[in-house]
Amino acid sequence: MKIIYSIIGILLPFIGTSLGSGFVFFLKNKLNENVNKLLIGFAIGIMLAASIFSLIIPSIEMYNGKIKWFACVIGLIFGFLFLIIINMITNNFKSKKKIDMLMFSVTIHNIPEGMAVGVCLAGFLSNSVPLLSAFILSIGIAIQNIPEGSIISMPLKGKGIKKSKAFLYGVLSGIVEPISAFLTIILLNIVVPLLPYLLSFASGCMLHVIFEELTPEMHEKYKSNYGVIGIMIGFCIMMILDIMLS
């Protein structure tokens, strides 16, 4: 059963991206702006709570060194720096075709998200992380991936590309997540001793996505209470589930 659960956990973020890409078949233009802000806020809340309760706290609890916060802080810093470097690399190409670079950027940013899922599932397989924590993280990333999938497929459709092809490109942008998650699990024997560092590394990556990408996107065009409401709903749901069922 653990293998089945792990496969489901690996595929959830990819399903989220595919669902978002599928909007191209149903929407004439794009998501309603308030709905989009609510979804982004909800994803922020889920990911923020997941970072704290499913990644940071377990990282501190697992570390056996004298300085309890050491592994957590090191992982957070390296996770944050990792995505800063990724951003610097992708920004060097953004003067070229905007749609191509958008897809490239989203695809690259999906890699650490897949790693985060893989780390949690590796912890679950080694009985270090509760199944619920790994699954909620997968669900949170899947929700966040819904608007990401749509921001790939919808602009492509606007450029005159067929809906089916635009959908395919959106789906392909998310395929790196299950691949990177699977590779992380394959390296289970290496991953487990490093779990305190890797869990906080995944948290650092997620926090960077929250503060650098999702939060500015939530306030794009105009400020709205929908995004803040989404954050509180997502955070409270994630926190309640993690505390009650872990």
Protein backbone atom coordinates (compact mmCIF):
# COMPACT_ATOMS: atom_id res chain seq x y z
CA MET A 1 0.00 0.00 0.00
CA LYS A 2 2.89 2.38 0.70
CA ILE A 3 3.98 2.16 -2.93
CA ILE A 4 0.44 2.92 -4.16
CA TYR A 5 0.16 5.91 -1.81
CA SER A 6 3.55 7.14 -2.99
CA ILE A 7 2.55 6.88 -6.66
CA ILE A 8 -0.63 8.87 -5.96
CA GLY A 9 1.39 11.48 -4.04
CA ILE A 10 3.87 11.77 -6.91
CA LEU A 11 1.13 12.26 -9.52
CA LEU A 12 -1.06 14.79 -7.67
CA PRO A 13 1.00 17.92 -8.57
CA PHE A 14 1.17 16.77 -12.20
CA ILE A 15 -2.62 16.31 -12.22
CA GLY A 16 -2.97 19.88 -10.90
CA THR A 17 -0.87 21.24 -13.77
CA SER A 18 -2.88 19.18 -16.27
CA LEU A 19 -6.18 20.46 -14.86
CA GLY A 20 -4.98 24.05 -15.13
CA SER A 21 -3.81 23.45 -18.70
CA GLY A 22 -7.26 22.00 -19.47
CA PHE A 23 -8.87 25.41 -18.86
CA VAL A 24 -7.88 26.21 -22.42
CA PHE A 25 -10.79 24.02 -23.61
CA PHE A 26 -13.43 25.79 -21.50
CA LEU A 27 -12.44 29.44 -21.07
CA LYS A 28 -12.67 32.01 -23.82
CA ASN A 29 -9.95 34.21 -22.41
CA LYS A 30 -8.70 33.45 -18.89
CA LEU A 31 -9.75 32.85 -15.31
CA ASN A 32 -11.84 35.51 -13.60
CA GLU A 33 -9.33 37.77 -11.86
CA ASN A 34 -10.95 37.46 -8.41
CA VAL A 35 -11.17 33.68 -8.73
CA ASN A 36 -7.53 33.60 -9.78
CA LYS A 37 -6.51 35.70 -6.76
CA LEU A 38 -8.53 33.44 -4.45
CA LEU A 39 -6.82 30.35 -5.89
CA ILE A 40 -3.37 31.89 -5.61
CA GLY A 41 -4.07 32.97 -2.03
CA PHE A 42 -5.36 29.50 -1.18
CA ALA A 43 -2.19 27.96 -2.62
CA ILE A 44 -0.06 30.40 -0.60
CA GLY A 45 -1.89 29.47 2.61
CA ILE A 46 -1.57 25.74 1.95
CA MET A 47 2.13 26.01 1.05
CA LEU A 48 2.93 28.32 3.97
CA ALA A 49 1.33 25.98 6.50
CA ALA A 50 2.94 22.97 4.80
CA SER A 51 6.34 24.66 5.01
CA ILE A 52 5.92 25.16 8.75
CA PHE A 53 4.06 22.06 9.95
CA SER A 54 5.15 19.44 7.39
CA LEU A 55 8.72 20.56 6.70
CA ILE A 56 10.29 22.97 9.19
CA ILE A 57 8.97 21.43 12.44
CA PRO A 58 9.80 17.82 11.37
CA SER A 59 13.26 19.02 10.26
CA ILE A 60 13.94 20.41 13.73
CA GLU A 61 12.53 17.34 15.47
CA MET A 62 14.55 14.86 13.36
CA TYR A 63 17.92 16.56 13.80
CA ASN A 64 20.01 14.92 16.51
CA GLY A 65 22.78 17.50 16.71
CA LYS A 66 23.46 19.71 19.70
CA ILE A 67 22.17 22.87 17.96
CA LYS A 68 18.58 21.88 17.15
CA TRP A 69 17.98 24.65 14.64
CA PHE A 70 21.21 24.09 12.66
CA ALA A 71 19.98 21.68 9.95
CA CYS A 72 16.74 23.62 9.50
CA VAL A 73 18.45 26.98 8.99
CA ILE A 74 21.08 25.52 6.64
CA GLY A 75 18.39 23.81 4.54
CA LEU A 76 16.22 26.93 4.40
CA ILE A 77 19.12 29.09 3.25
CA PHE A 78 20.23 26.66 0.55
CA GLY A 79 16.65 26.10 -0.65
CA PHE A 80 16.12 29.84 -0.96
CA LEU A 81 19.49 30.37 -2.68
CA PHE A 82 18.77 27.48 -5.07
CA LEU A 83 15.70 29.21 -6.49
CA ILE A 84 17.41 32.60 -6.55
CA ILE A 85 20.07 31.04 -8.80
CA ILE A 86 17.39 29.39 -10.95
CA ASN A 87 15.69 32.78 -11.33
CA MET A 88 18.96 34.42 -12.33
CA ILE A 89 19.51 31.76 -14.99
CA THR A 90 16.00 32.04 -16.43
CA ASN A 91 16.09 35.87 -16.38
CA ASN A 92 19.07 35.78 -18.73
CA PHE A 93 16.82 34.26 -21.39
CA LYS A 94 13.69 36.35 -20.92
CA SER A 95 14.68 38.77 -23.67
CA LYS A 96 13.85 36.00 -26.14
CA LYS A 97 10.39 34.61 -26.94
CA LYS A 98 8.24 35.47 -23.93
CA ILE A 99 5.94 32.42 -24.12
CA ASP A 100 8.84 29.99 -24.58
CA MET A 101 10.69 31.51 -21.63
CA LEU A 102 7.54 31.46 -19.49
CA MET A 103 7.17 27.74 -20.14
CA PHE A 104 10.87 27.20 -19.47
CA SER A 105 10.68 29.18 -16.22
CA VAL A 106 7.61 27.34 -14.94
CA THR A 107 9.15 23.99 -15.89
CA ILE A 108 12.40 24.77 -14.05
CA HIS A 109 10.51 25.94 -10.97
CA ASN A 110 8.54 22.70 -10.93
CA ILE A 111 11.71 20.69 -10.27
CA PRO A 112 12.23 21.73 -6.61
CA GLU A 113 8.49 21.32 -6.02
CA GLY A 114 8.77 17.73 -7.25
CA MET A 115 11.81 17.30 -5.03
CA ALA A 116 9.81 18.59 -2.04
CA VAL A 117 7.12 15.97 -2.68
CA GLY A 118 9.77 13.29 -3.19
CA VAL A 119 11.50 14.20 0.08
CA CYS A 120 8.26 13.94 2.05
CA LEU A 121 7.29 10.66 0.40
CA ALA A 122 10.80 9.30 1.04
CA GLY A 123 10.27 10.24 4.68
CA PHE A 124 6.90 8.47 4.62
CA LEU A 125 8.46 5.32 3.15
CA SER A 126 11.06 5.34 5.92
CA ASN A 127 8.37 5.96 8.58
CA SER A 128 9.86 9.39 9.40
CA VAL A 129 7.03 11.53 7.98
CA PRO A 130 3.28 10.82 8.39
CA LEU A 131 1.41 9.96 5.21
CA LEU A 132 -0.94 12.90 5.73
CA SER A 133 1.92 15.42 5.78
CA ALA A 134 3.27 14.13 2.49
CA PHE A 135 -0.18 14.02 0.90
CA ILE A 136 -1.23 17.48 2.03
CA LEU A 137 2.00 18.89 0.62
CA SER A 138 1.24 17.16 -2.70
CA ILE A 139 -2.30 18.53 -2.67
CA GLY A 140 -1.07 22.03 -1.83
CA ILE A 141 1.40 22.02 -4.71
CA ALA A 142 -1.28 20.55 -7.00
CA ILE A 143 -3.61 23.45 -6.17
CA GLN A 144 -0.80 25.92 -6.80
CA ASN A 145 -0.11 24.22 -10.14
CA ILE A 146 -3.65 24.80 -11.44
CA PRO A 147 -3.11 28.50 -12.27
CA GLU A 148 0.44 27.68 -13.39
CA GLY A 149 -0.90 25.24 -15.98
CA SER A 150 -3.36 27.84 -17.24
CA ILE A 151 -0.71 30.57 -17.61
CA ILE A 152 1.08 28.27 -20.06
CA SER A 153 -1.86 27.04 -22.15
CA MET A 154 -4.00 30.22 -22.27
CA PRO A 155 -1.35 32.58 -23.74
CA LEU A 156 -0.42 29.92 -26.30
CA LYS A 157 -4.04 29.73 -27.37
CA GLY A 158 -4.06 33.54 -27.63
CA LYS A 159 -1.11 33.27 -30.03
CA GLY A 160 -3.22 31.17 -32.39
CA ILE A 161 -1.96 27.72 -31.38
CA LYS A 162 -4.58 24.95 -31.39
CA LYS A 163 -6.23 24.20 -28.06
CA SER A 164 -4.98 20.60 -28.02
CA LYS A 165 -1.40 21.68 -28.66
CA ALA A 166 -1.58 24.48 -26.06
CA PHE A 167 -2.94 21.94 -23.56
CA LEU A 168 -0.07 19.55 -24.36
CA TYR A 169 2.55 22.24 -23.76
CA GLY A 170 0.94 23.06 -20.42
CA VAL A 171 0.96 19.40 -19.41
CA LEU A 172 4.59 18.96 -20.47
CA SER A 173 5.64 21.87 -18.24
CA GLY A 174 4.55 19.79 -15.24
CA ILE A 175 6.05 16.43 -16.24
CA VAL A 176 9.33 17.27 -14.46
CA GLU A 177 7.57 17.15 -11.07
CA PRO A 178 6.79 13.42 -10.95
CA ILE A 179 10.19 12.70 -12.53
CA SER A 180 12.13 14.69 -9.91
CA ALA A 181 9.94 13.26 -7.11
CA PHE A 182 10.55 9.71 -8.35
CA LEU A 183 14.31 10.24 -8.58
CA THR A 184 14.35 11.61 -5.04
CA ILE A 185 12.54 8.51 -3.77
CA ILE A 186 14.87 6.21 -5.74
CA LEU A 187 17.75 7.77 -3.80
CA LEU A 188 15.97 6.87 -0.55
CA ASN A 189 19.07 5.46 1.20
CA ILE A 190 20.93 8.70 0.54
CA VAL A 191 17.93 10.90 1.27
CA VAL A 192 16.89 9.51 4.68
CA PRO A 193 20.05 10.49 6.65
CA LEU A 194 19.80 13.96 5.10
CA LEU A 195 16.06 14.39 5.75
CA PRO A 196 16.42 17.21 8.33
CA TYR A 197 18.38 19.24 5.74
CA LEU A 198 16.26 18.21 2.74
CA LEU A 199 12.92 18.92 4.42
CA SER A 200 14.01 22.45 5.28
CA PHE A 201 15.60 22.79 1.81
CA ALA A 202 12.18 21.97 0.31
CA SER A 203 10.64 24.53 2.67
CA GLY A 204 13.15 27.16 1.53
CA CYS A 205 12.21 26.48 -2.08
CA MET A 206 8.50 26.75 -1.29
CA LEU A 207 8.94 29.97 0.71
CA HIS A 208 10.82 31.49 -2.21
CA VAL A 209 7.98 30.57 -4.57
CA ILE A 210 5.48 32.10 -2.12
CA PHE A 211 7.29 35.41 -1.59
CA GLU A 212 8.91 35.90 -4.97
CA GLU A 213 6.25 34.60 -7.36
CA LEU A 214 2.83 33.92 -5.86
CA THR A 215 2.51 36.96 -3.56
CA PRO A 216 3.36 39.53 -6.29
CA GLU A 217 1.06 37.66 -8.70
CA MET A 218 -1.74 37.85 -6.15
CA HIS A 219 -1.44 41.66 -6.06
CA GLU A 220 -1.00 42.04 -9.81
CA LYS A 221 -3.26 44.65 -11.50
CA TYR A 222 -5.05 45.55 -8.27
CA LYS A 223 -5.19 44.60 -4.61
CA SER A 224 -8.10 42.44 -3.51
CA ASN A 225 -9.38 40.84 -0.32
CA TYR A 226 -9.96 37.61 -2.26
CA GLY A 227 -6.26 36.72 -2.12
CA VAL A 228 -6.01 37.36 1.63
CA ILE A 229 -9.18 35.34 2.25
CA GLY A 230 -7.69 32.50 0.21
CA ILE A 231 -4.49 32.58 2.29
CA MET A 232 -6.37 32.31 5.58
CA ILE A 233 -8.63 29.52 4.33
CA GLY A 234 -5.71 27.54 2.91
CA PHE A 235 -3.50 28.05 5.97
CA CYS A 236 -6.23 27.12 8.47
CA ILE A 237 -7.30 24.01 6.53
CA MET A 238 -3.71 22.79 6.22
CA MET A 239 -2.91 23.55 9.87
CA ILE A 240 -6.06 21.83 11.20
CA LEU A 241 -5.54 18.71 9.09
CA ASP A 242 -1.87 18.47 9.96
CA ILE A 243 -2.44 18.84 13.72
CA MET A 244 -5.55 16.65 13.99
CA LEU A 245 -4.54 13.79 11.72
CA SER A 246 -0.74 13.57 11.93
